[in-house]
Amino acid sequence: MDNRVDNTRETRASAFASPVQVQPAADAPISVGAVVEVRRRFDQAWARGFQIAAVTADGYRIRRNSDGSLLPVSFAPADLRQAAEA
């Protein structure tokens, strides 16, 4: 009897795993007016050019800096990170 373990399925699955390493937001809340990056839902990359407009029970409301628009949905803390200072 052959006692080898077949890792083929695991290897195939890991080949399609996302290479993106995302660090969760810090435990401390981000304050209103802070410049942040927002995780894009399409490809999980970080987008620049936003700031915190409000903190609500549902999460954070975000304003786009380029045109001042308030985005129509709330964002979870894990989808935000403070922007690096330029």
C-alpha atoms as a PDB file:
ATOM      1  CA  MET A   1       0.000   0.000   0.000  1.00  0.00           C
ATOM      2  CA  ASP A   2       1.310   3.463  -0.919  1.00  0.00           C
ATOM      3  CA  ASN A   3       1.327   5.864   2.078  1.00  0.00           C
ATOM      4  CA  ARG A   4       2.295   9.010   0.148  1.00  0.00           C
ATOM      5  CA  VAL A   5      -0.049  11.967   0.454  1.00  0.00           C
ATOM      6  CA  ASP A   6      -1.425  13.453  -2.723  1.00  0.00           C
ATOM      7  CA  ASN A   7      -0.849  17.223  -2.480  1.00  0.00           C
ATOM      8  CA  THR A   8      -1.952  17.877  -6.064  1.00  0.00           C
ATOM      9  CA  ARG A   9      -5.212  19.538  -5.109  1.00  0.00           C
ATOM     10  CA  GLU A  10      -3.554  21.797  -2.536  1.00  0.00           C
ATOM     11  CA  THR A  11      -0.801  22.764  -4.988  1.00  0.00           C
ATOM     12  CA  ARG A  12      -3.300  23.658  -7.683  1.00  0.00           C
ATOM     13  CA  ALA A  13      -5.356  25.740  -5.267  1.00  0.00           C
ATOM     14  CA  SER A  14      -2.327  27.626  -3.980  1.00  0.00           C
ATOM     15  CA  ALA A  15      -1.280  28.413  -7.558  1.00  0.00           C
ATOM     16  CA  PHE A  16      -4.401  30.552  -7.872  1.00  0.00           C
ATOM     17  CA  ALA A  17      -4.150  32.209  -4.478  1.00  0.00           C
ATOM     18  CA  SER A  18      -3.937  35.970  -4.556  1.00  0.00           C
ATOM     19  CA  PRO A  19      -0.377  37.262  -4.211  1.00  0.00           C
ATOM     20  CA  VAL A  20      -1.663  40.486  -2.656  1.00  0.00           C
ATOM     21  CA  GLN A  21      -0.679  40.857   0.970  1.00  0.00           C
ATOM     22  CA  VAL A  22      -3.126  43.129   2.759  1.00  0.00           C
ATOM     23  CA  GLN A  23      -2.531  44.332   6.261  1.00  0.00           C
ATOM     24  CA  PRO A  24      -5.626  45.128   8.278  1.00  0.00           C
ATOM     25  CA  ALA A  25      -6.178  48.659   9.455  1.00  0.00           C
ATOM     26  CA  ALA A  26      -4.769  49.636  12.812  1.00  0.00           C
ATOM     27  CA  ASP A  27      -7.007  49.230  15.847  1.00  0.00           C
ATOM     28  CA  ALA A  28      -7.088  52.978  16.433  1.00  0.00           C
ATOM     29  CA  PRO A  29      -9.883  54.716  14.535  1.00  0.00           C
ATOM     30  CA  ILE A  30      -8.952  57.025  11.676  1.00  0.00           C
ATOM     31  CA  SER A  31     -10.057  60.579  12.337  1.00  0.00           C
ATOM     32  CA  VAL A  32     -12.241  62.766  10.129  1.00  0.00           C
ATOM     33  CA  GLY A  33     -10.135  64.661   7.611  1.00  0.00           C
ATOM     34  CA  ALA A  34      -7.347  62.066   7.519  1.00  0.00           C
ATOM     35  CA  VAL A  35      -5.968  61.303   4.062  1.00  0.00           C
ATOM     36  CA  VAL A  36      -6.461  57.616   3.293  1.00  0.00           C
ATOM     37  CA  GLU A  37      -6.062  54.990   0.616  1.00  0.00           C
ATOM     38  CA  VAL A  38      -9.059  52.818  -0.242  1.00  0.00           C
ATOM     39  CA  ARG A  39      -8.842  49.159  -1.216  1.00  0.00           C
ATOM     40  CA  ARG A  40     -10.385  48.669  -4.642  1.00  0.00           C
ATOM     41  CA  ARG A  41     -12.932  45.868  -4.693  1.00  0.00           C
ATOM     42  CA  PHE A  42     -12.037  44.810  -8.238  1.00  0.00           C
ATOM     43  CA  ASP A  43      -8.372  43.916  -7.762  1.00  0.00           C
ATOM     44  CA  GLN A  44      -7.711  44.554  -4.053  1.00  0.00           C
ATOM     45  CA  ALA A  45      -5.079  47.209  -4.892  1.00  0.00           C
ATOM     46  CA  TRP A  46      -4.919  50.473  -2.947  1.00  0.00           C
ATOM     47  CA  ALA A  47      -6.248  53.677  -4.517  1.00  0.00           C
ATOM     48  CA  ARG A  48      -4.989  57.092  -3.410  1.00  0.00           C
ATOM     49  CA  GLY A  49      -6.731  60.432  -3.244  1.00  0.00           C
ATOM     50  CA  PHE A  50      -9.391  60.082  -0.548  1.00  0.00           C
ATOM     51  CA  GLN A  51     -10.089  61.410   2.905  1.00  0.00           C
ATOM     52  CA  ILE A  52     -12.360  60.480   5.790  1.00  0.00           C
ATOM     53  CA  ALA A  53     -15.548  62.564   5.629  1.00  0.00           C
ATOM     54  CA  ALA A  54     -17.408  60.961   8.557  1.00  0.00           C
ATOM     55  CA  VAL A  55     -17.340  58.045  10.948  1.00  0.00           C
ATOM     56  CA  THR A  56     -20.694  56.254  11.230  1.00  0.00           C
ATOM     57  CA  ALA A  57     -22.050  53.113  12.855  1.00  0.00           C
ATOM     58  CA  ASP A  58     -21.721  51.423   9.428  1.00  0.00           C
ATOM     59  CA  GLY A  59     -18.073  52.399   8.921  1.00  0.00           C
ATOM     60  CA  TYR A  60     -16.302  55.304   7.282  1.00  0.00           C
ATOM     61  CA  ARG A  61     -17.743  57.731   4.736  1.00  0.00           C
ATOM     62  CA  ILE A  62     -15.115  58.724   2.195  1.00  0.00           C
ATOM     63  CA  ARG A  63     -14.639  61.874   0.104  1.00  0.00           C
ATOM     64  CA  ARG A  64     -12.736  61.797  -3.197  1.00  0.00           C
ATOM     65  CA  ASN A  65     -10.141  64.590  -3.229  1.00  0.00           C
ATOM     66  CA  SER A  66     -10.152  65.132  -7.006  1.00  0.00           C
ATOM     67  CA  ASP A  67     -13.728  66.430  -7.172  1.00  0.00           C
ATOM     68  CA  GLY A  68     -14.926  66.559  -3.553  1.00  0.00           C
ATOM     69  CA  SER A  69     -17.573  63.877  -4.124  1.00  0.00           C
ATOM     70  CA  LEU A  70     -18.811  61.916  -1.142  1.00  0.00           C
ATOM     71  CA  LEU A  71     -18.800  58.241  -2.103  1.00  0.00           C
ATOM     72  CA  PRO A  72     -22.248  56.615  -1.798  1.00  0.00           C
ATOM     73  CA  VAL A  73     -21.237  53.680   0.429  1.00  0.00           C
ATOM     74  CA  SER A  74     -19.582  53.202   3.799  1.00  0.00           C
ATOM     75  CA  PHE A  75     -16.199  51.493   4.011  1.00  0.00           C
ATOM     76  CA  ALA A  76     -15.068  48.985   6.613  1.00  0.00           C
ATOM     77  CA  PRO A  77     -11.846  49.758   8.510  1.00  0.00           C
ATOM     78  CA  ALA A  78     -10.107  46.825   6.787  1.00  0.00           C
ATOM     79  CA  ASP A  79     -10.678  48.535   3.411  1.00  0.00           C
ATOM     80  CA  LEU A  80      -8.852  51.709   4.458  1.00  0.00           C
ATOM     81  CA  ARG A  81      -5.344  52.633   5.427  1.00  0.00           C
ATOM     82  CA  GLN A  82      -3.768  55.967   6.200  1.00  0.00           C
ATOM     83  CA  ALA A  83      -1.896  57.337   3.221  1.00  0.00           C
ATOM     84  CA  ALA A  84       1.855  57.574   3.439  1.00  0.00           C
ATOM     85  CA  GLU A  85       3.102  61.128   3.773  1.00  0.00           C
ATOM     86  CA  ALA A  86       4.563  62.491   0.549  1.00  0.00           C
END
